[in-house]
Amino acid sequence: MSDVGTVTQLLNAAQSGDSKAVDRLFPLIYDELRQRAHRQRMGFGGHATMNTTAIVHEAYFKLAQGDGAG
């Protein structure tokens, strides 16, 4: 994963309302999110309704809309 300090700063900025922070954050964590989403899907035994990319993109939309904060 990318520099943890940078990711933390961008997460804090996003939580504080900086909408551009999510746009800067997402490319830094994309590969990690894809790996985690893939592992999660495999835990469902292949019966998931969304593919790995769709799961990651859904996570982005939730972050961008502020639904992922907390």
PDB file of N, CA and C in Angstrom:
ATOM      1  N   MET A   1       0.845  -1.180   0.000  1.00  0.00           N
ATOM      2  CA  MET A   1       0.000   0.000   0.000  1.00  0.00           C
ATOM      3  C   MET A   1       0.888   1.241   0.000  1.00  0.00           C
ATOM      4  N   SER A   2       0.339   2.345  -0.382  1.00  0.00           N
ATOM      5  CA  SER A   2       1.075   3.603  -0.449  1.00  0.00           C
ATOM      6  C   SER A   2       1.437   4.101   0.935  1.00  0.00           C
ATOM      7  N   ASP A   3       2.192   5.168   0.970  1.00  0.00           N
ATOM      8  CA  ASP A   3       2.605   5.776   2.227  1.00  0.00           C
ATOM      9  C   ASP A   3       1.406   5.978   3.145  1.00  0.00           C
ATOM     10  N   VAL A   4       1.461   5.349   4.290  1.00  0.00           N
ATOM     11  CA  VAL A   4       0.344   5.376   5.239  1.00  0.00           C
ATOM     12  C   VAL A   4       0.035   6.803   5.679  1.00  0.00           C
ATOM     13  N   GLY A   5       1.072   7.630   5.863  1.00  0.00           N
ATOM     14  CA  GLY A   5       0.853   9.017   6.273  1.00  0.00           C
ATOM     15  C   GLY A   5       0.043   9.792   5.254  1.00  0.00           C
ATOM     16  N   THR A   6       0.343   9.595   3.986  1.00  0.00           N
ATOM     17  CA  THR A   6      -0.393  10.278   2.919  1.00  0.00           C
ATOM     18  C   THR A   6      -1.846   9.817   2.891  1.00  0.00           C
ATOM     19  N   VAL A   7      -2.048   8.516   3.005  1.00  0.00           N
ATOM     20  CA  VAL A   7      -3.408   7.961   3.007  1.00  0.00           C
ATOM     21  C   VAL A   7      -4.185   8.508   4.195  1.00  0.00           C
ATOM     22  N   THR A   8      -3.555   8.534   5.363  1.00  0.00           N
ATOM     23  CA  THR A   8      -4.217   9.049   6.562  1.00  0.00           C
ATOM     24  C   THR A   8      -4.588  10.515   6.401  1.00  0.00           C
ATOM     25  N   GLN A   9      -3.675  11.313   5.871  1.00  0.00           N
ATOM     26  CA  GLN A   9      -3.957  12.736   5.648  1.00  0.00           C
ATOM     27  C   GLN A   9      -5.125  12.921   4.695  1.00  0.00           C
ATOM     28  N   LEU A  10      -5.150  12.140   3.625  1.00  0.00           N
ATOM     29  CA  LEU A  10      -6.242  12.264   2.653  1.00  0.00           C
ATOM     30  C   LEU A  10      -7.566  11.801   3.246  1.00  0.00           C
ATOM     31  N   LEU A  11      -7.549  10.739   4.048  1.00  0.00           N
ATOM     32  CA  LEU A  11      -8.771  10.299   4.716  1.00  0.00           C
ATOM     33  C   LEU A  11      -9.294  11.373   5.665  1.00  0.00           C
ATOM     34  N   ASN A  12      -8.391  11.980   6.420  1.00  0.00           N
ATOM     35  CA  ASN A  12      -8.788  13.060   7.331  1.00  0.00           C
ATOM     36  C   ASN A  12      -9.355  14.244   6.559  1.00  0.00           C
ATOM     37  N   ALA A  13      -8.713  14.590   5.451  1.00  0.00           N
ATOM     38  CA  ALA A  13      -9.201  15.701   4.632  1.00  0.00           C
ATOM     39  C   ALA A  13     -10.575  15.389   4.059  1.00  0.00           C
ATOM     40  N   ALA A  14     -10.763  14.161   3.599  1.00  0.00           N
ATOM     41  CA  ALA A  14     -12.062  13.764   3.052  1.00  0.00           C
ATOM     42  C   ALA A  14     -13.137  13.820   4.120  1.00  0.00           C
ATOM     43  N   GLN A  15     -12.799  13.360   5.317  1.00  0.00           N
ATOM     44  CA  GLN A  15     -13.766  13.372   6.419  1.00  0.00           C
ATOM     45  C   GLN A  15     -14.113  14.803   6.823  1.00  0.00           C
ATOM     46  N   SER A  16     -13.180  15.719   6.595  1.00  0.00           N
ATOM     47  CA  SER A  16     -13.413  17.128   6.919  1.00  0.00           C
ATOM     48  C   SER A  16     -14.142  17.870   5.813  1.00  0.00           C
ATOM     49  N   GLY A  17     -14.493  17.151   4.749  1.00  0.00           N
ATOM     50  CA  GLY A  17     -15.294  17.762   3.698  1.00  0.00           C
ATOM     51  C   GLY A  17     -14.548  18.107   2.425  1.00  0.00           C
ATOM     52  N   ASP A  18     -13.269  17.760   2.323  1.00  0.00           N
ATOM     53  CA  ASP A  18     -12.492  18.032   1.108  1.00  0.00           C
ATOM     54  C   ASP A  18     -12.853  16.988   0.056  1.00  0.00           C
ATOM     55  N   SER A  19     -13.732  17.348  -0.868  1.00  0.00           N
ATOM     56  CA  SER A  19     -14.198  16.393  -1.874  1.00  0.00           C
ATOM     57  C   SER A  19     -13.086  15.972  -2.827  1.00  0.00           C
ATOM     58  N   LYS A  20     -12.088  16.780  -3.017  1.00  0.00           N
ATOM     59  CA  LYS A  20     -10.966  16.434  -3.894  1.00  0.00           C
ATOM     60  C   LYS A  20     -10.055  15.392  -3.256  1.00  0.00           C
ATOM     61  N   ALA A  21     -10.080  15.282  -1.935  1.00  0.00           N
ATOM     62  CA  ALA A  21      -9.215  14.330  -1.240  1.00  0.00           C
ATOM     63  C   ALA A  21      -9.532  12.894  -1.643  1.00  0.00           C
ATOM     64  N   VAL A  22     -10.807  12.569  -1.803  1.00  0.00           N
ATOM     65  CA  VAL A  22     -11.197  11.214  -2.214  1.00  0.00           C
ATOM     66  C   VAL A  22     -10.646  10.926  -3.602  1.00  0.00           C
ATOM     67  N   ASP A  23     -10.710  11.910  -4.484  1.00  0.00           N
ATOM     68  CA  ASP A  23     -10.184  11.724  -5.838  1.00  0.00           C
ATOM     69  C   ASP A  23      -8.676  11.481  -5.827  1.00  0.00           C
ATOM     70  N   ARG A  24      -7.971  12.090  -4.899  1.00  0.00           N
ATOM     71  CA  ARG A  24      -6.524  11.872  -4.780  1.00  0.00           C
ATOM     72  C   ARG A  24      -6.216  10.565  -4.052  1.00  0.00           C
ATOM     73  N   LEU A  25      -7.090  10.182  -3.137  1.00  0.00           N
ATOM     74  CA  LEU A  25      -6.884   8.983  -2.335  1.00  0.00           C
ATOM     75  C   LEU A  25      -7.094   7.705  -3.133  1.00  0.00           C
ATOM     76  N   PHE A  26      -8.136   7.674  -3.908  1.00  0.00           N
ATOM     77  CA  PHE A  26      -8.554   6.426  -4.551  1.00  0.00           C
ATOM     78  C   PHE A  26      -7.455   5.772  -5.389  1.00  0.00           C
ATOM     79  N   PRO A  27      -6.724   6.522  -6.230  1.00  0.00           N
ATOM     80  CA  PRO A  27      -5.655   5.854  -7.000  1.00  0.00           C
ATOM     81  C   PRO A  27      -4.559   5.257  -6.110  1.00  0.00           C
ATOM     82  N   LEU A  28      -4.356   5.828  -4.941  1.00  0.00           N
ATOM     83  CA  LEU A  28      -3.327   5.320  -4.034  1.00  0.00           C
ATOM     84  C   LEU A  28      -3.711   3.979  -3.416  1.00  0.00           C
ATOM     85  N   ILE A  29      -5.009   3.744  -3.227  1.00  0.00           N
ATOM     86  CA  ILE A  29      -5.453   2.536  -2.534  1.00  0.00           C
ATOM     87  C   ILE A  29      -6.176   1.538  -3.441  1.00  0.00           C
ATOM     88  N   TYR A  30      -6.272   1.852  -4.730  1.00  0.00           N
ATOM     89  CA  TYR A  30      -7.056   1.038  -5.661  1.00  0.00           C
ATOM     90  C   TYR A  30      -6.603  -0.424  -5.678  1.00  0.00           C
ATOM     91  N   ASP A  31      -5.311  -0.666  -5.847  1.00  0.00           N
ATOM     92  CA  ASP A  31      -4.826  -2.046  -5.926  1.00  0.00           C
ATOM     93  C   ASP A  31      -5.117  -2.825  -4.652  1.00  0.00           C
ATOM     94  N   GLU A  32      -4.908  -2.175  -3.511  1.00  0.00           N
ATOM     95  CA  GLU A  32      -5.192  -2.828  -2.229  1.00  0.00           C
ATOM     96  C   GLU A  32      -6.685  -3.157  -2.110  1.00  0.00           C
ATOM     97  N   LEU A  33      -7.541  -2.233  -2.505  1.00  0.00           N
ATOM     98  CA  LEU A  33      -8.979  -2.481  -2.453  1.00  0.00           C
ATOM     99  C   LEU A  33      -9.381  -3.637  -3.365  1.00  0.00           C
ATOM    100  N   ARG A  34      -8.786  -3.703  -4.552  1.00  0.00           N
ATOM    101  CA  ARG A  34      -9.094  -4.802  -5.480  1.00  0.00           C
ATOM    102  C   ARG A  34      -8.691  -6.148  -4.875  1.00  0.00           C
ATOM    103  N   GLN A  35      -7.514  -6.196  -4.257  1.00  0.00           N
ATOM    104  CA  GLN A  35      -7.063  -7.450  -3.641  1.00  0.00           C
ATOM    105  C   GLN A  35      -8.006  -7.874  -2.522  1.00  0.00           C
ATOM    106  N   ARG A  36      -8.396  -6.923  -1.701  1.00  0.00           N
ATOM    107  CA  ARG A  36      -9.296  -7.237  -0.584  1.00  0.00           C
ATOM    108  C   ARG A  36     -10.685  -7.638  -1.083  1.00  0.00           C
ATOM    109  N   ALA A  37     -11.178  -6.938  -2.098  1.00  0.00           N
ATOM    110  CA  ALA A  37     -12.494  -7.276  -2.659  1.00  0.00           C
ATOM    111  C   ALA A  37     -12.468  -8.669  -3.275  1.00  0.00           C
ATOM    112  N   HIS A  38     -11.383  -8.992  -3.948  1.00  0.00           N
ATOM    113  CA  HIS A  38     -11.264 -10.319  -4.558  1.00  0.00           C
ATOM    114  C   HIS A  38     -11.281 -11.412  -3.484  1.00  0.00           C
ATOM    115  N   ARG A  39     -10.510 -11.214  -2.425  1.00  0.00           N
ATOM    116  CA  ARG A  39     -10.497 -12.195  -1.326  1.00  0.00           C
ATOM    117  C   ARG A  39     -11.888 -12.325  -0.693  1.00  0.00           C
ATOM    118  N   GLN A  40     -12.555 -11.192  -0.535  1.00  0.00           N
ATOM    119  CA  GLN A  40     -13.903 -11.212   0.051  1.00  0.00           C
ATOM    120  C   GLN A  40     -14.862 -11.995  -0.841  1.00  0.00           C
ATOM    121  N   ARG A  41     -14.781 -11.763  -2.136  1.00  0.00           N
ATOM    122  CA  ARG A  41     -15.651 -12.490  -3.078  1.00  0.00           C
ATOM    123  C   ARG A  41     -15.398 -13.983  -3.011  1.00  0.00           C
ATOM    124  N   MET A  42     -14.129 -14.378  -2.923  1.00  0.00           N
ATOM    125  CA  MET A  42     -13.806 -15.800  -2.875  1.00  0.00           C
ATOM    126  C   MET A  42     -14.364 -16.440  -1.610  1.00  0.00           C
ATOM    127  N   GLY A  43     -14.506 -15.660  -0.562  1.00  0.00           N
ATOM    128  CA  GLY A  43     -15.106 -16.158   0.675  1.00  0.00           C
ATOM    129  C   GLY A  43     -16.581 -16.479   0.522  1.00  0.00           C
ATOM    130  N   PHE A  44     -17.213 -15.902  -0.489  1.00  0.00           N
ATOM    131  CA  PHE A  44     -18.630 -16.173  -0.754  1.00  0.00           C
ATOM    132  C   PHE A  44     -18.809 -17.410  -1.617  1.00  0.00           C
ATOM    133  N   GLY A  45     -17.717 -18.063  -1.974  1.00  0.00           N
ATOM    134  CA  GLY A  45     -17.817 -19.288  -2.767  1.00  0.00           C
ATOM    135  C   GLY A  45     -18.218 -19.041  -4.208  1.00  0.00           C
ATOM    136  N   GLY A  46     -17.961 -17.863  -4.720  1.00  0.00           N
ATOM    137  CA  GLY A  46     -18.273 -17.579  -6.114  1.00  0.00           C
ATOM    138  C   GLY A  46     -19.722 -17.212  -6.357  1.00  0.00           C
ATOM    139  N   HIS A  47     -20.498 -16.994  -5.305  1.00  0.00           N
ATOM    140  CA  HIS A  47     -21.920 -16.691  -5.463  1.00  0.00           C
ATOM    141  C   HIS A  47     -22.231 -15.200  -5.306  1.00  0.00           C
ATOM    142  N   ALA A  48     -21.204 -14.370  -5.351  1.00  0.00           N
ATOM    143  CA  ALA A  48     -21.419 -12.929  -5.199  1.00  0.00           C
ATOM    144  C   ALA A  48     -22.096 -12.368  -6.445  1.00  0.00           C
ATOM    145  N   THR A  49     -22.915 -11.353  -6.256  1.00  0.00           N
ATOM    146  CA  THR A  49     -23.636 -10.764  -7.377  1.00  0.00           C
ATOM    147  C   THR A  49     -22.824  -9.684  -8.088  1.00  0.00           C
ATOM    148  N   MET A  50     -21.764  -9.197  -7.453  1.00  0.00           N
ATOM    149  CA  MET A  50     -20.930  -8.156  -8.058  1.00  0.00           C
ATOM    150  C   MET A  50     -19.528  -8.703  -8.288  1.00  0.00           C
ATOM    151  N   ASN A  51     -18.881  -8.257  -9.385  1.00  0.00           N
ATOM    152  CA  ASN A  51     -17.497  -8.657  -9.596  1.00  0.00           C
ATOM    153  C   ASN A  51     -16.572  -7.750  -8.789  1.00  0.00           C
ATOM    154  N   THR A  52     -15.294  -8.090  -8.762  1.00  0.00           N
ATOM    155  CA  THR A  52     -14.324  -7.372  -7.945  1.00  0.00           C
ATOM    156  C   THR A  52     -14.282  -5.888  -8.291  1.00  0.00           C
ATOM    157  N   THR A  53     -14.215  -5.569  -9.572  1.00  0.00           N
ATOM    158  CA  THR A  53     -14.146  -4.165  -9.986  1.00  0.00           C
ATOM    159  C   THR A  53     -15.387  -3.408  -9.547  1.00  0.00           C
ATOM    160  N   ALA A  54     -16.549  -4.008  -9.667  1.00  0.00           N
ATOM    161  CA  ALA A  54     -17.790  -3.352  -9.262  1.00  0.00           C
ATOM    162  C   ALA A  54     -17.798  -3.071  -7.761  1.00  0.00           C
ATOM    163  N   ILE A  55     -17.264  -3.983  -6.973  1.00  0.00           N
ATOM    164  CA  ILE A  55     -17.203  -3.781  -5.526  1.00  0.00           C
ATOM    165  C   ILE A  55     -16.307  -2.588  -5.200  1.00  0.00           C
ATOM    166  N   VAL A  56     -15.139  -2.523  -5.847  1.00  0.00           N
ATOM    167  CA  VAL A  56     -14.203  -1.422  -5.599  1.00  0.00           C
ATOM    168  C   VAL A  56     -14.815  -0.101  -6.031  1.00  0.00           C
ATOM    169  N   HIS A  57     -15.480  -0.084  -7.163  1.00  0.00           N
ATOM    170  CA  HIS A  57     -16.090   1.159  -7.640  1.00  0.00           C
ATOM    171  C   HIS A  57     -17.250   1.587  -6.740  1.00  0.00           C
ATOM    172  N   GLU A  58     -17.978   0.640  -6.206  1.00  0.00           N
ATOM    173  CA  GLU A  58     -19.043   0.952  -5.248  1.00  0.00           C
ATOM    174  C   GLU A  58     -18.442   1.586  -3.990  1.00  0.00           C
ATOM    175  N   ALA A  59     -17.299   1.059  -3.552  1.00  0.00           N
ATOM    176  CA  ALA A  59     -16.618   1.643  -2.395  1.00  0.00           C
ATOM    177  C   ALA A  59     -16.215   3.090  -2.686  1.00  0.00           C
ATOM    178  N   TYR A  60     -15.723   3.348  -3.888  1.00  0.00           N
ATOM    179  CA  TYR A  60     -15.344   4.713  -4.271  1.00  0.00           C
ATOM    180  C   TYR A  60     -16.563   5.634  -4.208  1.00  0.00           C
ATOM    181  N   PHE A  61     -17.667   5.212  -4.790  1.00  0.00           N
ATOM    182  CA  PHE A  61     -18.863   6.056  -4.800  1.00  0.00           C
ATOM    183  C   PHE A  61     -19.336   6.354  -3.378  1.00  0.00           C
ATOM    184  N   LYS A  62     -19.264   5.368  -2.506  1.00  0.00           N
ATOM    185  CA  LYS A  62     -19.669   5.602  -1.116  1.00  0.00           C
ATOM    186  C   LYS A  62     -18.737   6.585  -0.432  1.00  0.00           C
ATOM    187  N   LEU A  63     -17.428   6.443  -0.661  1.00  0.00           N
ATOM    188  CA  LEU A  63     -16.474   7.394  -0.103  1.00  0.00           C
ATOM    189  C   LEU A  63     -16.717   8.792  -0.652  1.00  0.00           C
ATOM    190  N   ALA A  64     -16.920   8.877  -1.950  1.00  0.00           N
ATOM    191  CA  ALA A  64     -17.100  10.188  -2.603  1.00  0.00           C
ATOM    192  C   ALA A  64     -18.370  10.884  -2.127  1.00  0.00           C
ATOM    193  N   GLN A  65     -19.386  10.100  -1.784  1.00  0.00           N
ATOM    194  CA  GLN A  65     -20.651  10.674  -1.319  1.00  0.00           C
ATOM    195  C   GLN A  65     -20.651  10.891   0.190  1.00  0.00           C
ATOM    196  N   GLY A  66     -19.608  10.428   0.848  1.00  0.00           N
ATOM    197  CA  GLY A  66     -19.530  10.579   2.295  1.00  0.00           C
ATOM    198  C   GLY A  66     -20.188   9.444   3.057  1.00  0.00           C
ATOM    199  N   ASP A  67     -20.686   8.408   2.366  1.00  0.00           N
ATOM    200  CA  ASP A  67     -21.355   7.302   3.034  1.00  0.00           C
ATOM    201  C   ASP A  67     -20.368   6.344   3.693  1.00  0.00           C
ATOM    202  N   GLY A  68     -19.084   6.414   3.326  1.00  0.00           N
ATOM    203  CA  GLY A  68     -18.108   5.494   3.868  1.00  0.00           C
ATOM    204  C   GLY A  68     -17.384   6.038   5.082  1.00  0.00           C
ATOM    205  N   ALA A  69     -17.677   7.271   5.463  1.00  0.00           N
ATOM    206  CA  ALA A  69     -16.982   7.894   6.600  1.00  0.00           C
ATOM    207  C   ALA A  69     -17.505   7.308   7.901  1.00  0.00           C
ATOM    208  N   GLY A  70     -16.638   7.312   8.880  1.00  0.00           N
ATOM    209  CA  GLY A  70     -17.107   6.903  10.188  1.00  0.00           C
ATOM    210  C   GLY A  70     -16.180   5.954  10.753  1.00  0.00           C
TER     211      GLY A  70
END
